[in-house]
Amino acid sequence: MAKVDKRRRNARPSKYKPRSPDQLARKRELWAARSSDRERAKRTDEEAALIERLAELETALREAGQDGIHKQRHVTPLEDIEDDAKRFHVLKARVERLEALWSINKRRRETRGKIIIGGALLAEAGDAHFEGDDELLARLVDILDRRVERVRDRLTVRELLGDVPLPLRPGGDVNEDAQSALQAAGEPLPDFDLMAESALAQEAGGELLPSEVDPDYADLLPYVNLLSDPPRTKPRTIVDVVVGYERIRNDRKLWDFNVQASNIGNQTALYNFQSAFVGTRVVQPRTVGARLRFFF
């Protein structure tokens, strides 16, 4: 077999004629049409999957007792939306909304189930205790001692079970008080002195105000109802406004921009007053912020 010089072979002129501009334009049109068909088929599959998921969520929510949730969801039937892109985005938004509702419902059901289980165990332990059988109660105390770590949670559980022999911290002594347990566990202590002085001020019939105990409270008294037991913050109305814009091209989000104004009226108010663990919290003043995001 004769050897062929690759350099000479590759240097030979091509037998294919170069494409004319019309042929190149036709080729680009064919590629664009094929890409459009692929995108349309992909969207059709996604839309079918979303419709199926929408039906599943509606059925699950109805079975969970949330009848009529589908009526709240519908504003315009999907069949009446002629634009394919708009119909797809509306369908996707409705599925996302029902997904969020289902997630909330699931968490509520789980929480309710835990409460039911805990209540049943407590009732059974209480009945057994009155009959002279403390085996289940001792088992519960052992589980709580291994599972619960925070001092405040242990104190709550111990009071609920009738001062059972549960240490306030893992590895602690049963007779240890709350303040010593908090210090040993490294958890912050409430201001017990200030809480006692505030309680004395309420019992004094108005002779001693919280502002006299702590002058920092003087300008906050108009926003607190001191006559309630315990004192509560007064109702307030805060107005926030958000305006935004999304730039979408070929069903793909390119960027979005929004401006948010919080507490437009610049209202002074409290949303927590003299809480034992978080103290006093003041609503933030008027705030304006902007956000610009690009999607790649």
Protein backbone atom coordinates (compact mmCIF):
# COMPACT_ATOMS: atom_id res chain seq x y z
CA MET A 1 0.00 0.00 0.00
CA ALA A 2 1.39 3.33 -1.05
CA LYS A 3 2.00 5.87 1.61
CA VAL A 4 0.25 9.20 1.28
CA ASP A 5 1.76 12.38 2.59
CA LYS A 6 -0.81 13.75 5.03
CA ARG A 7 0.32 17.30 4.45
CA ARG A 8 -0.28 17.00 0.69
CA ARG A 9 -3.56 15.17 1.23
CA ASN A 10 -4.90 17.85 3.62
CA ALA A 11 -3.74 20.60 1.30
CA ARG A 12 -5.92 19.40 -1.56
CA PRO A 13 -8.85 21.67 -2.39
CA SER A 14 -12.20 20.56 -1.05
CA LYS A 15 -14.62 19.02 -3.51
CA TYR A 16 -17.54 20.65 -1.68
CA LYS A 17 -18.65 24.01 -2.91
CA PRO A 18 -18.68 26.85 -0.38
CA ARG A 19 -22.12 27.74 0.91
CA SER A 20 -23.76 30.86 -0.43
CA PRO A 21 -25.13 33.54 1.96
CA ASP A 22 -28.65 32.27 1.25
CA GLN A 23 -27.65 28.75 2.20
CA LEU A 24 -26.02 29.96 5.41
CA ALA A 25 -29.12 31.98 6.30
CA ARG A 26 -31.30 28.95 5.64
CA LYS A 27 -29.08 26.81 7.85
CA ARG A 28 -29.33 29.33 10.70
CA GLU A 29 -33.12 29.38 10.34
CA LEU A 30 -33.24 25.59 10.56
CA TRP A 31 -31.09 25.58 13.69
CA ALA A 32 -33.28 28.27 15.25
CA ALA A 33 -36.43 26.30 14.42
CA ARG A 34 -34.97 23.12 15.91
CA SER A 35 -33.91 24.99 19.06
CA SER A 36 -37.38 26.50 19.34
CA ASP A 37 -38.95 23.04 18.98
CA ARG A 38 -36.69 21.63 21.68
CA GLU A 39 -37.51 24.50 24.04
CA ARG A 40 -41.21 24.10 23.34
CA ALA A 41 -41.07 20.37 24.02
CA LYS A 42 -39.12 20.96 27.22
CA ARG A 43 -41.64 23.54 28.42
CA THR A 44 -44.52 21.22 27.53
CA ASP A 45 -42.99 18.48 29.67
CA GLU A 46 -42.38 20.88 32.55
CA GLU A 47 -45.92 22.25 32.25
CA ALA A 48 -47.37 18.75 32.35
CA ALA A 49 -45.30 17.94 35.44
CA LEU A 50 -46.44 21.18 37.13
CA ILE A 51 -50.08 20.45 36.34
CA GLU A 52 -49.73 16.98 37.83
CA ARG A 53 -48.02 18.39 40.93
CA LEU A 54 -50.73 21.05 41.23
CA ALA A 55 -53.43 18.38 41.29
CA GLU A 56 -51.48 16.37 43.89
CA LEU A 57 -51.12 19.41 46.19
CA GLU A 58 -54.79 20.34 45.85
CA THR A 59 -55.82 16.80 46.77
CA ALA A 60 -53.41 16.66 49.71
CA LEU A 61 -54.59 20.01 51.07
CA ARG A 62 -58.23 19.01 50.76
CA GLU A 63 -57.56 15.73 52.58
CA ALA A 64 -55.75 17.71 55.30
CA GLY A 65 -58.91 19.72 55.91
CA GLN A 66 -58.11 22.88 53.96
CA ASP A 67 -61.18 22.82 51.73
CA GLY A 68 -61.55 25.66 49.31
CA ILE A 69 -57.87 26.43 49.07
CA HIS A 70 -58.10 25.85 45.31
CA LYS A 71 -60.84 28.46 45.10
CA GLN A 72 -58.63 31.03 46.79
CA ARG A 73 -55.83 30.17 44.38
CA HIS A 74 -57.75 30.68 41.15
CA VAL A 75 -57.95 34.17 39.73
CA THR A 76 -57.91 33.30 36.04
CA PRO A 77 -58.29 29.72 34.81
CA LEU A 78 -55.19 28.42 33.08
CA GLU A 79 -57.22 27.53 30.01
CA ASP A 80 -58.13 31.20 29.53
CA ILE A 81 -54.49 32.32 29.35
CA GLU A 82 -53.55 32.28 25.67
CA ASP A 83 -49.91 33.31 25.96
CA ASP A 84 -47.80 30.20 26.55
CA ALA A 85 -45.05 31.95 28.50
CA LYS A 86 -47.51 33.77 30.77
CA ARG A 87 -49.50 30.57 31.38
CA PHE A 88 -46.33 28.71 32.32
CA HIS A 89 -45.24 31.41 34.81
CA VAL A 90 -48.73 31.59 36.36
CA LEU A 91 -48.82 27.80 36.72
CA LYS A 92 -45.37 27.76 38.29
CA ALA A 93 -46.32 30.52 40.75
CA ARG A 94 -49.46 28.64 41.80
CA VAL A 95 -47.52 25.44 42.37
CA GLU A 96 -44.92 27.29 44.44
CA ARG A 97 -47.69 28.86 46.55
CA LEU A 98 -49.35 25.52 47.23
CA GLU A 99 -45.95 23.98 47.98
CA ALA A 100 -45.45 26.65 50.66
CA LEU A 101 -48.94 26.06 52.06
CA TRP A 102 -48.37 22.32 52.14
CA SER A 103 -45.04 22.79 53.91
CA ILE A 104 -46.70 24.99 56.56
CA ASN A 105 -49.54 22.49 56.94
CA LYS A 106 -47.06 19.64 57.29
CA ARG A 107 -45.12 21.44 60.02
CA ARG A 108 -48.36 22.18 61.87
CA ARG A 109 -49.45 18.56 61.67
CA GLU A 110 -46.05 17.40 62.91
CA THR A 111 -46.19 19.86 65.81
CA ARG A 112 -49.73 18.78 66.69
CA GLY A 113 -48.68 15.14 66.53
CA LYS A 114 -45.79 15.79 68.94
CA ILE A 115 -48.14 17.59 71.32
CA ILE A 116 -50.61 14.71 71.19
CA ILE A 117 -47.89 12.13 71.84
CA GLY A 118 -46.45 14.19 74.70
CA GLY A 119 -49.88 14.74 76.24
CA ALA A 120 -50.70 11.05 76.05
CA LEU A 121 -47.40 10.08 77.70
CA LEU A 122 -47.88 12.66 80.46
CA ALA A 123 -51.43 11.47 81.11
CA GLU A 124 -50.27 7.85 81.25
CA ALA A 125 -47.38 8.73 83.57
CA GLY A 126 -49.74 10.71 85.83
CA ASP A 127 -52.25 7.87 86.08
CA ALA A 128 -49.48 5.37 86.82
CA HIS A 129 -48.05 7.71 89.49
CA PHE A 130 -51.39 7.90 91.30
CA GLU A 131 -51.56 4.09 91.23
CA GLY A 132 -48.12 3.91 92.83
CA ASP A 133 -46.18 2.93 89.69
CA ASP A 134 -43.42 5.44 88.90
CA GLU A 135 -41.56 3.33 86.34
CA LEU A 136 -42.85 5.29 83.31
CA LEU A 137 -42.22 8.62 85.04
CA ALA A 138 -38.66 7.61 85.88
CA ARG A 139 -38.17 6.53 82.27
CA LEU A 140 -39.43 9.93 81.05
CA VAL A 141 -37.09 11.76 83.43
CA ASP A 142 -34.15 9.68 82.16
CA ILE A 143 -35.03 10.47 78.52
CA LEU A 144 -35.39 14.19 79.27
CA ASP A 145 -32.07 14.21 81.10
CA ARG A 146 -30.36 12.81 78.01
CA ARG A 147 -32.24 14.82 75.36
CA VAL A 148 -32.85 18.29 76.85
CA GLU A 149 -29.82 20.55 77.25
CA ARG A 150 -30.96 24.17 77.88
CA VAL A 151 -31.42 25.17 81.51
CA ARG A 152 -34.66 27.06 80.88
CA ASP A 153 -36.18 24.08 79.05
CA ARG A 154 -35.23 21.74 81.88
CA LEU A 155 -36.75 24.11 84.43
CA THR A 156 -40.01 24.25 82.46
CA VAL A 157 -40.17 20.46 82.15
CA ARG A 158 -39.40 19.91 85.82
CA GLU A 159 -42.17 22.28 86.90
CA LEU A 160 -44.60 20.65 84.47
CA LEU A 161 -43.90 17.17 85.87
CA GLY A 162 -44.31 18.30 89.46
CA ASP A 163 -40.70 19.00 90.52
CA VAL A 164 -39.35 15.63 89.48
CA PRO A 165 -35.66 14.94 90.30
CA LEU A 166 -34.33 16.40 87.05
CA PRO A 167 -31.06 18.42 87.19
CA LEU A 168 -31.23 21.84 85.55
CA ARG A 169 -28.17 21.07 83.45
CA PRO A 170 -26.56 17.88 82.14
CA GLY A 171 -24.41 16.37 84.83
CA GLY A 172 -25.60 18.88 87.45
CA ASP A 173 -26.96 18.43 90.92
CA VAL A 174 -30.68 18.00 91.47
CA ASN A 175 -30.70 20.65 94.24
CA GLU A 176 -28.86 23.27 92.13
CA ASP A 177 -30.81 26.52 91.73
CA ALA A 178 -31.60 28.18 88.39
CA GLN A 179 -29.10 31.02 88.71
CA SER A 180 -26.19 28.70 89.50
CA ALA A 181 -27.18 26.37 86.67
CA LEU A 182 -27.33 29.25 84.19
CA GLN A 183 -23.90 30.49 85.26
CA ALA A 184 -22.38 27.00 85.09
CA ALA A 185 -23.90 26.40 81.63
CA GLY A 186 -22.69 29.75 80.34
CA GLU A 187 -26.18 31.00 79.46
CA PRO A 188 -27.00 34.74 79.95
CA LEU A 189 -28.81 35.63 83.14
CA PRO A 190 -31.96 37.79 83.16
CA ASP A 191 -31.78 41.04 85.12
CA PHE A 192 -33.53 39.69 88.23
CA ASP A 193 -33.01 42.89 90.23
CA LEU A 194 -34.64 45.05 87.59
CA MET A 195 -37.52 42.58 87.24
CA ALA A 196 -38.10 42.68 91.01
CA GLU A 197 -37.98 46.47 91.10
CA SER A 198 -40.47 46.67 88.24
CA ALA A 199 -42.79 44.27 90.09
CA LEU A 200 -42.52 46.40 93.23
CA ALA A 201 -43.28 49.47 91.16
CA GLN A 202 -46.53 47.88 89.93
CA GLU A 203 -47.55 46.85 93.46
CA ALA A 204 -46.86 50.35 94.76
CA GLY A 205 -49.95 51.66 92.95
CA GLY A 206 -48.11 54.08 90.71
CA GLU A 207 -45.88 55.59 93.40
CA LEU A 208 -42.80 54.21 91.63
CA LEU A 209 -42.58 54.16 87.86
CA PRO A 210 -40.25 52.01 85.76
CA SER A 211 -38.69 55.26 84.53
CA GLU A 212 -37.61 55.92 88.12
CA VAL A 213 -36.04 52.48 88.34
CA ASP A 214 -34.25 52.97 85.01
CA PRO A 215 -34.29 56.48 83.44
CA ASP A 216 -33.81 54.95 79.98
CA TYR A 217 -37.49 53.91 80.06
CA ALA A 218 -38.80 57.45 80.54
CA ASP A 219 -39.30 58.15 76.82
CA LEU A 220 -40.79 54.69 76.20
CA LEU A 221 -43.66 54.85 78.70
CA PRO A 222 -46.18 56.36 76.21
CA TYR A 223 -45.82 53.20 74.10
CA VAL A 224 -46.45 50.70 76.94
CA ASN A 225 -49.65 49.68 78.68
CA LEU A 226 -48.52 49.45 82.31
CA LEU A 227 -52.01 48.54 83.54
CA SER A 228 -51.94 45.12 81.92
CA ASP A 229 -50.48 42.18 83.81
CA PRO A 230 -47.76 41.77 82.68
CA PRO A 231 -47.15 45.13 80.95
CA ARG A 232 -47.58 44.94 77.19
CA THR A 233 -46.69 47.13 74.25
CA LYS A 234 -49.49 49.23 72.80
CA PRO A 235 -50.86 48.46 69.31
CA ARG A 236 -49.10 50.20 66.44
CA THR A 237 -49.46 50.51 62.67
CA ILE A 238 -46.32 50.29 60.57
CA VAL A 239 -46.44 50.77 56.80
CA ASP A 240 -43.82 49.19 54.51
CA VAL A 241 -43.74 49.54 50.71
CA VAL A 242 -41.79 47.49 48.18
CA VAL A 243 -41.58 48.28 44.45
CA GLY A 244 -39.66 46.10 42.03
CA TYR A 245 -39.08 45.17 38.41
CA GLU A 246 -37.95 41.94 36.76
CA ARG A 247 -36.29 41.73 33.36
CA ILE A 248 -37.13 38.46 31.59
CA ARG A 249 -35.98 37.43 28.11
CA ASN A 250 -36.75 34.12 26.46
CA ASP A 251 -38.35 32.84 29.68
CA ARG A 252 -35.14 33.50 31.59
CA LYS A 253 -34.74 36.10 34.29
CA LEU A 254 -31.80 38.36 33.54
CA TRP A 255 -31.94 40.78 36.45
CA ASP A 256 -34.32 42.31 38.95
CA PHE A 257 -34.38 45.49 40.98
CA ASN A 258 -36.49 46.53 43.96
CA VAL A 259 -36.70 49.40 46.41
CA GLN A 260 -38.10 48.88 49.91
CA ALA A 261 -39.15 51.58 52.36
CA SER A 262 -39.78 50.43 55.94
CA ASN A 263 -41.71 52.38 58.56
CA ILE A 264 -42.70 55.12 56.13
CA GLY A 265 -44.45 57.12 58.84
CA ASN A 266 -41.30 56.94 61.01
CA GLN A 267 -43.42 55.69 63.92
CA THR A 268 -41.85 55.21 67.33
CA ALA A 269 -43.09 51.97 68.86
CA LEU A 270 -42.05 48.91 70.81
CA TYR A 271 -42.47 45.29 69.81
CA ASN A 272 -41.12 43.90 73.09
CA PHE A 273 -41.02 45.40 76.59
CA GLN A 274 -38.99 44.14 79.53
CA SER A 275 -38.99 40.53 78.42
CA ALA A 276 -37.11 38.31 80.85
CA PHE A 277 -34.80 36.97 78.14
CA VAL A 278 -34.64 39.53 75.30
CA GLY A 279 -35.34 42.83 77.09
CA THR A 280 -36.91 45.81 75.34
CA ARG A 281 -36.94 46.13 71.55
CA VAL A 282 -37.78 49.30 69.60
CA VAL A 283 -39.12 49.35 66.03
CA GLN A 284 -36.46 50.57 63.63
CA PRO A 285 -36.90 54.12 62.25
CA ARG A 286 -37.69 54.93 58.63
CA THR A 287 -35.38 52.91 56.42
CA VAL A 288 -34.99 52.88 52.63
CA GLY A 289 -33.03 50.21 50.82
CA ALA A 290 -32.45 49.04 47.25
CA ARG A 291 -31.39 45.70 45.79
CA LEU A 292 -30.11 44.84 42.31
CA ARG A 293 -29.52 41.21 41.33
CA PHE A 294 -28.12 39.70 38.15
CA PHE A 295 -28.75 36.07 37.15
CA PHE A 296 -26.14 34.20 35.16
